[in-house]
Amino acid sequence: MNTVLNVIWFVLAGIWLWIGYVLAGVIMFVLIVTIPWGLASFRIANYAAWPFGREVVSKPTSGAWSFLGNVVWVILAGWWLALEHLFTGILLCLTIIGIPLGIANFKLIPVSLAPLGKEIVDKR
């Protein structure tokens, strides 16, 4: 079931979300100082392309530096990635078939705003 949902997700929303995260990651790499945020962006891009069957959990070892890094992330790229999730989620919710995908999109907004200190794991 996860494979079917992931394929539908990728066609309707995942490709655009992936492009947004990859673009943010490339910009972060070009700025050199923000390479850690670029790595986080690429990690979340993979999750945004194929989210079903995986989940985001907080790392127990992350601390104040993750919080400060997330503040910088929101200023540089997080706000427009969150808007991308919000806009895509609203569009998906306009159709009956897209409602579960729209809800999944809304669940990705917190990750788009604070990717540092998070880990992507397979659901058990």
N, C-alpha and C. Protein backbone atom coordinates (compact mmCIF):
# COMPACT_ATOMS: atom_id res chain seq x y z
N MET A 1 0.82 -1.19 0.00
CA MET A 1 0.00 0.00 0.00
C MET A 1 0.87 1.27 0.00
N ASN A 2 1.98 1.21 0.77
CA ASN A 2 2.87 2.37 0.82
C ASN A 2 3.44 2.70 -0.55
N THR A 3 3.73 1.68 -1.34
CA THR A 3 4.29 1.91 -2.67
C THR A 3 3.28 2.63 -3.56
N VAL A 4 2.03 2.22 -3.51
CA VAL A 4 0.99 2.86 -4.31
C VAL A 4 0.82 4.32 -3.87
N LEU A 5 0.75 4.55 -2.57
CA LEU A 5 0.62 5.92 -2.07
C LEU A 5 1.83 6.77 -2.45
N ASN A 6 3.02 6.21 -2.37
CA ASN A 6 4.22 6.95 -2.73
C ASN A 6 4.25 7.32 -4.22
N VAL A 7 3.79 6.42 -5.07
CA VAL A 7 3.77 6.72 -6.51
C VAL A 7 2.76 7.83 -6.80
N ILE A 8 1.57 7.72 -6.23
CA ILE A 8 0.56 8.77 -6.42
C ILE A 8 1.07 10.10 -5.86
N TRP A 9 1.67 10.05 -4.67
CA TRP A 9 2.23 11.23 -4.04
C TRP A 9 3.29 11.88 -4.93
N PHE A 10 4.19 11.07 -5.44
CA PHE A 10 5.29 11.60 -6.25
C PHE A 10 4.76 12.31 -7.50
N VAL A 11 3.75 11.73 -8.13
CA VAL A 11 3.20 12.33 -9.35
C VAL A 11 2.45 13.62 -9.04
N LEU A 12 1.66 13.64 -7.97
CA LEU A 12 0.82 14.80 -7.69
C LEU A 12 1.53 15.91 -6.91
N ALA A 13 2.47 15.54 -6.03
CA ALA A 13 3.08 16.58 -5.19
C ALA A 13 4.57 16.37 -4.96
N GLY A 14 5.00 15.14 -4.87
CA GLY A 14 6.37 14.84 -4.46
C GLY A 14 7.44 15.43 -5.35
N ILE A 15 7.23 15.43 -6.65
CA ILE A 15 8.25 15.95 -7.55
C ILE A 15 8.48 17.44 -7.31
N TRP A 16 7.39 18.19 -7.10
CA TRP A 16 7.52 19.64 -6.88
C TRP A 16 8.16 19.94 -5.53
N LEU A 17 7.78 19.16 -4.52
CA LEU A 17 8.39 19.35 -3.21
C LEU A 17 9.87 18.98 -3.24
N TRP A 18 10.19 17.90 -3.94
CA TRP A 18 11.58 17.48 -4.07
C TRP A 18 12.40 18.57 -4.75
N ILE A 19 11.87 19.14 -5.82
CA ILE A 19 12.57 20.21 -6.53
C ILE A 19 12.81 21.40 -5.60
N GLY A 20 11.81 21.76 -4.80
CA GLY A 20 11.97 22.87 -3.86
C GLY A 20 13.06 22.63 -2.84
N TYR A 21 13.09 21.44 -2.26
CA TYR A 21 14.11 21.12 -1.27
C TYR A 21 15.50 21.03 -1.89
N VAL A 22 15.59 20.45 -3.08
CA VAL A 22 16.89 20.36 -3.75
C VAL A 22 17.39 21.75 -4.11
N LEU A 23 16.52 22.60 -4.59
CA LEU A 23 16.90 23.97 -4.90
C LEU A 23 17.40 24.70 -3.65
N ALA A 24 16.70 24.53 -2.54
CA ALA A 24 17.15 25.13 -1.28
C ALA A 24 18.50 24.57 -0.87
N GLY A 25 18.70 23.26 -1.03
CA GLY A 25 19.98 22.65 -0.68
C GLY A 25 21.12 23.16 -1.54
N VAL A 26 20.87 23.32 -2.83
CA VAL A 26 21.91 23.83 -3.73
C VAL A 26 22.27 25.26 -3.34
N ILE A 27 21.27 26.08 -3.04
CA ILE A 27 21.55 27.46 -2.61
C ILE A 27 22.38 27.46 -1.34
N MET A 28 22.05 26.58 -0.40
CA MET A 28 22.81 26.50 0.84
C MET A 28 24.26 26.06 0.58
N PHE A 29 24.45 25.16 -0.36
CA PHE A 29 25.82 24.73 -0.68
C PHE A 29 26.61 25.83 -1.37
N VAL A 30 25.95 26.62 -2.20
CA VAL A 30 26.64 27.72 -2.88
C VAL A 30 27.12 28.76 -1.86
N LEU A 31 26.34 28.98 -0.82
CA LEU A 31 26.72 29.95 0.20
C LEU A 31 27.83 29.46 1.12
N ILE A 32 28.25 28.24 1.00
CA ILE A 32 29.35 27.55 1.69
C ILE A 32 29.17 27.51 3.22
N VAL A 33 28.94 28.63 3.86
CA VAL A 33 28.79 28.64 5.32
C VAL A 33 27.56 27.84 5.74
N THR A 34 26.59 27.74 4.88
CA THR A 34 25.33 27.09 5.22
C THR A 34 25.24 25.65 4.71
N ILE A 35 26.38 25.00 4.49
CA ILE A 35 26.39 23.62 4.00
C ILE A 35 25.64 22.66 4.93
N PRO A 36 25.71 22.78 6.27
CA PRO A 36 24.92 21.87 7.11
C PRO A 36 23.41 21.96 6.83
N TRP A 37 22.93 23.15 6.52
CA TRP A 37 21.52 23.30 6.18
C TRP A 37 21.24 22.67 4.82
N GLY A 38 22.20 22.73 3.91
CA GLY A 38 22.04 22.08 2.62
C GLY A 38 21.92 20.57 2.76
N LEU A 39 22.73 19.99 3.64
CA LEU A 39 22.64 18.55 3.90
C LEU A 39 21.27 18.18 4.47
N ALA A 40 20.78 18.99 5.39
CA ALA A 40 19.46 18.75 5.97
C ALA A 40 18.38 18.87 4.89
N SER A 41 18.54 19.83 4.00
CA SER A 41 17.57 20.02 2.93
C SER A 41 17.54 18.82 2.00
N PHE A 42 18.69 18.27 1.65
CA PHE A 42 18.73 17.08 0.79
C PHE A 42 18.12 15.87 1.50
N ARG A 43 18.34 15.75 2.80
CA ARG A 43 17.76 14.65 3.57
C ARG A 43 16.24 14.74 3.58
N ILE A 44 15.71 15.95 3.80
CA ILE A 44 14.27 16.13 3.81
C ILE A 44 13.69 16.02 2.40
N ALA A 45 14.46 16.38 1.37
CA ALA A 45 13.99 16.23 -0.01
C ALA A 45 13.68 14.78 -0.31
N ASN A 46 14.53 13.89 0.14
CA ASN A 46 14.30 12.46 -0.06
C ASN A 46 13.02 12.02 0.64
N TYR A 47 12.80 12.53 1.83
CA TYR A 47 11.59 12.19 2.58
C TYR A 47 10.35 12.80 1.93
N ALA A 48 10.46 14.04 1.44
CA ALA A 48 9.31 14.71 0.82
C ALA A 48 8.91 14.04 -0.49
N ALA A 49 9.84 13.37 -1.15
CA ALA A 49 9.52 12.67 -2.39
C ALA A 49 8.81 11.35 -2.13
N TRP A 50 9.18 10.62 -1.07
CA TRP A 50 8.61 9.31 -0.76
C TRP A 50 8.31 9.21 0.74
N PRO A 51 7.25 9.87 1.25
CA PRO A 51 7.04 9.92 2.70
C PRO A 51 6.35 8.71 3.33
N PHE A 52 5.59 7.97 2.57
CA PHE A 52 4.79 6.91 3.17
C PHE A 52 5.66 5.72 3.53
N GLY A 53 5.45 5.19 4.74
CA GLY A 53 6.25 4.09 5.25
C GLY A 53 7.43 4.56 6.09
N ARG A 54 7.59 5.88 6.21
CA ARG A 54 8.66 6.45 7.04
C ARG A 54 8.07 7.54 7.91
N GLU A 55 8.80 7.91 8.94
CA GLU A 55 8.36 8.99 9.81
C GLU A 55 9.55 9.78 10.31
N VAL A 56 9.27 10.97 10.79
CA VAL A 56 10.30 11.86 11.31
C VAL A 56 10.21 11.83 12.83
N VAL A 57 11.36 11.59 13.46
CA VAL A 57 11.44 11.60 14.92
C VAL A 57 12.54 12.56 15.35
N SER A 58 12.41 13.06 16.56
CA SER A 58 13.44 13.95 17.09
C SER A 58 14.63 13.14 17.56
N LYS A 59 15.83 13.68 17.31
CA LYS A 59 17.04 13.05 17.82
C LYS A 59 17.19 13.44 19.29
N PRO A 60 17.44 12.47 20.14
CA PRO A 60 17.59 12.81 21.57
C PRO A 60 18.88 13.57 21.86
N THR A 61 19.86 13.51 20.96
CA THR A 61 21.14 14.18 21.21
C THR A 61 21.19 15.61 20.70
N SER A 62 20.14 16.05 20.01
CA SER A 62 20.16 17.42 19.50
C SER A 62 19.91 18.39 20.65
N GLY A 63 20.53 19.54 20.56
CA GLY A 63 20.42 20.49 21.64
C GLY A 63 20.18 21.90 21.16
N ALA A 64 20.81 22.84 21.84
CA ALA A 64 20.59 24.25 21.56
C ALA A 64 21.09 24.64 20.17
N TRP A 65 22.13 23.98 19.69
CA TRP A 65 22.65 24.32 18.36
C TRP A 65 21.64 23.98 17.28
N SER A 66 20.89 22.89 17.47
CA SER A 66 19.84 22.55 16.51
C SER A 66 18.75 23.62 16.50
N PHE A 67 18.40 24.09 17.68
CA PHE A 67 17.39 25.15 17.76
C PHE A 67 17.86 26.41 17.05
N LEU A 68 19.08 26.82 17.32
CA LEU A 68 19.62 28.02 16.67
C LEU A 68 19.75 27.82 15.16
N GLY A 69 20.16 26.63 14.76
CA GLY A 69 20.24 26.32 13.34
C GLY A 69 18.88 26.36 12.66
N ASN A 70 17.85 25.89 13.37
CA ASN A 70 16.50 25.93 12.81
C ASN A 70 15.99 27.36 12.67
N VAL A 71 16.38 28.24 13.58
CA VAL A 71 16.00 29.65 13.46
C VAL A 71 16.60 30.23 12.18
N VAL A 72 17.87 29.93 11.93
CA VAL A 72 18.52 30.40 10.69
C VAL A 72 17.83 29.78 9.48
N TRP A 73 17.50 28.50 9.57
CA TRP A 73 16.85 27.81 8.46
C TRP A 73 15.51 28.45 8.11
N VAL A 74 14.70 28.79 9.12
CA VAL A 74 13.40 29.41 8.86
C VAL A 74 13.59 30.72 8.11
N ILE A 75 14.60 31.49 8.50
CA ILE A 75 14.84 32.77 7.85
C ILE A 75 15.30 32.57 6.41
N LEU A 76 16.18 31.60 6.17
CA LEU A 76 16.75 31.42 4.83
C LEU A 76 15.84 30.67 3.87
N ALA A 77 15.23 29.59 4.30
CA ALA A 77 14.48 28.76 3.35
C ALA A 77 13.22 28.12 3.92
N GLY A 78 13.13 27.95 5.20
CA GLY A 78 12.03 27.18 5.78
C GLY A 78 10.66 27.76 5.53
N TRP A 79 10.56 29.08 5.56
CA TRP A 79 9.23 29.68 5.41
C TRP A 79 8.64 29.44 4.03
N TRP A 80 9.46 29.50 2.98
CA TRP A 80 8.89 29.29 1.65
C TRP A 80 8.66 27.83 1.36
N LEU A 81 9.43 26.93 1.98
CA LEU A 81 9.15 25.50 1.83
C LEU A 81 7.86 25.13 2.57
N ALA A 82 7.62 25.76 3.72
CA ALA A 82 6.37 25.54 4.45
C ALA A 82 5.18 26.05 3.63
N LEU A 83 5.36 27.19 2.98
CA LEU A 83 4.29 27.70 2.11
C LEU A 83 4.04 26.76 0.93
N GLU A 84 5.10 26.15 0.42
CA GLU A 84 4.94 25.18 -0.67
C GLU A 84 4.11 23.99 -0.20
N HIS A 85 4.37 23.50 1.01
CA HIS A 85 3.57 22.40 1.57
C HIS A 85 2.13 22.83 1.78
N LEU A 86 1.93 24.03 2.31
CA LEU A 86 0.58 24.52 2.57
C LEU A 86 -0.21 24.65 1.27
N PHE A 87 0.39 25.27 0.26
CA PHE A 87 -0.28 25.46 -1.02
C PHE A 87 -0.59 24.13 -1.69
N THR A 88 0.38 23.21 -1.70
CA THR A 88 0.17 21.90 -2.32
C THR A 88 -0.89 21.11 -1.56
N GLY A 89 -0.87 21.20 -0.23
CA GLY A 89 -1.86 20.49 0.57
C GLY A 89 -3.27 20.99 0.31
N ILE A 90 -3.43 22.32 0.19
CA ILE A 90 -4.75 22.87 -0.11
C ILE A 90 -5.23 22.40 -1.47
N LEU A 91 -4.35 22.43 -2.47
CA LEU A 91 -4.73 21.96 -3.81
C LEU A 91 -5.12 20.49 -3.80
N LEU A 92 -4.38 19.67 -3.05
CA LEU A 92 -4.70 18.24 -3.00
C LEU A 92 -6.03 18.00 -2.29
N CYS A 93 -6.35 18.81 -1.30
CA CYS A 93 -7.60 18.63 -0.55
C CYS A 93 -8.83 19.04 -1.36
N LEU A 94 -8.65 19.67 -2.49
CA LEU A 94 -9.79 20.04 -3.33
C LEU A 94 -10.42 18.84 -4.01
N THR A 95 -9.70 17.72 -4.07
CA THR A 95 -10.24 16.50 -4.66
C THR A 95 -10.41 15.45 -3.57
N ILE A 96 -11.35 14.57 -3.74
CA ILE A 96 -11.60 13.54 -2.74
C ILE A 96 -10.41 12.58 -2.64
N ILE A 97 -9.85 12.22 -3.77
CA ILE A 97 -8.71 11.30 -3.78
C ILE A 97 -7.49 11.94 -3.13
N GLY A 98 -7.35 13.25 -3.28
CA GLY A 98 -6.16 13.94 -2.77
C GLY A 98 -6.21 14.31 -1.30
N ILE A 99 -7.35 14.12 -0.62
CA ILE A 99 -7.46 14.54 0.78
C ILE A 99 -6.42 13.86 1.68
N PRO A 100 -6.23 12.52 1.60
CA PRO A 100 -5.18 11.92 2.45
C PRO A 100 -3.79 12.46 2.13
N LEU A 101 -3.55 12.75 0.86
CA LEU A 101 -2.25 13.29 0.48
C LEU A 101 -2.10 14.73 0.97
N GLY A 102 -3.18 15.48 0.94
CA GLY A 102 -3.14 16.85 1.46
C GLY A 102 -2.86 16.86 2.95
N ILE A 103 -3.47 15.96 3.68
CA ILE A 103 -3.23 15.86 5.12
C ILE A 103 -1.77 15.49 5.38
N ALA A 104 -1.24 14.56 4.59
CA ALA A 104 0.18 14.20 4.73
C ALA A 104 1.07 15.40 4.44
N ASN A 105 0.66 16.24 3.50
CA ASN A 105 1.42 17.44 3.18
C ASN A 105 1.42 18.40 4.37
N PHE A 106 0.28 18.55 5.02
CA PHE A 106 0.21 19.42 6.20
C PHE A 106 1.10 18.90 7.33
N LYS A 107 1.23 17.58 7.43
CA LYS A 107 2.09 17.00 8.46
C LYS A 107 3.57 17.26 8.21
N LEU A 108 3.93 17.59 6.97
CA LEU A 108 5.32 17.88 6.63
C LEU A 108 5.72 19.33 6.92
N ILE A 109 4.77 20.18 7.23
CA ILE A 109 5.08 21.59 7.49
C ILE A 109 6.03 21.76 8.67
N PRO A 110 5.82 21.10 9.81
CA PRO A 110 6.78 21.27 10.91
C PRO A 110 8.20 20.84 10.55
N VAL A 111 8.34 19.81 9.73
CA VAL A 111 9.66 19.35 9.31
C VAL A 111 10.30 20.38 8.39
N SER A 112 9.50 21.01 7.55
CA SER A 112 10.06 22.01 6.64
C SER A 112 10.52 23.25 7.39
N LEU A 113 9.94 23.50 8.54
CA LEU A 113 10.33 24.67 9.34
C LEU A 113 11.50 24.37 10.27
N ALA A 114 11.67 23.13 10.67
CA ALA A 114 12.73 22.78 11.62
C ALA A 114 13.33 21.42 11.29
N PRO A 115 14.19 21.32 10.26
CA PRO A 115 14.74 20.02 9.87
C PRO A 115 15.92 19.55 10.72
N LEU A 116 16.61 20.46 11.37
CA LEU A 116 17.77 20.07 12.18
C LEU A 116 17.30 19.46 13.50
N GLY A 117 17.97 18.42 13.93
CA GLY A 117 17.60 17.72 15.15
C GLY A 117 16.52 16.68 14.90
N LYS A 118 16.25 16.38 13.64
CA LYS A 118 15.25 15.37 13.27
C LYS A 118 15.94 14.24 12.54
N GLU A 119 15.29 13.09 12.59
CA GLU A 119 15.82 11.89 11.93
C GLU A 119 14.68 11.19 11.23
N ILE A 120 14.92 10.66 10.05
CA ILE A 120 13.91 9.94 9.29
C ILE A 120 14.13 8.44 9.49
N VAL A 121 13.12 7.76 9.97
CA VAL A 121 13.23 6.32 10.24
C VAL A 121 12.08 5.60 9.56
N ASP A 122 12.27 4.32 9.32
CA ASP A 122 11.20 3.48 8.77
C ASP A 122 10.18 3.19 9.86
N LYS A 123 8.90 3.17 9.46
CA LYS A 123 7.87 2.78 10.41
C LYS A 123 7.96 1.29 10.65
N ARG A 124 7.70 0.88 11.84
CA ARG A 124 7.79 -0.55 12.16
C ARG A 124 6.45 -1.18 12.12
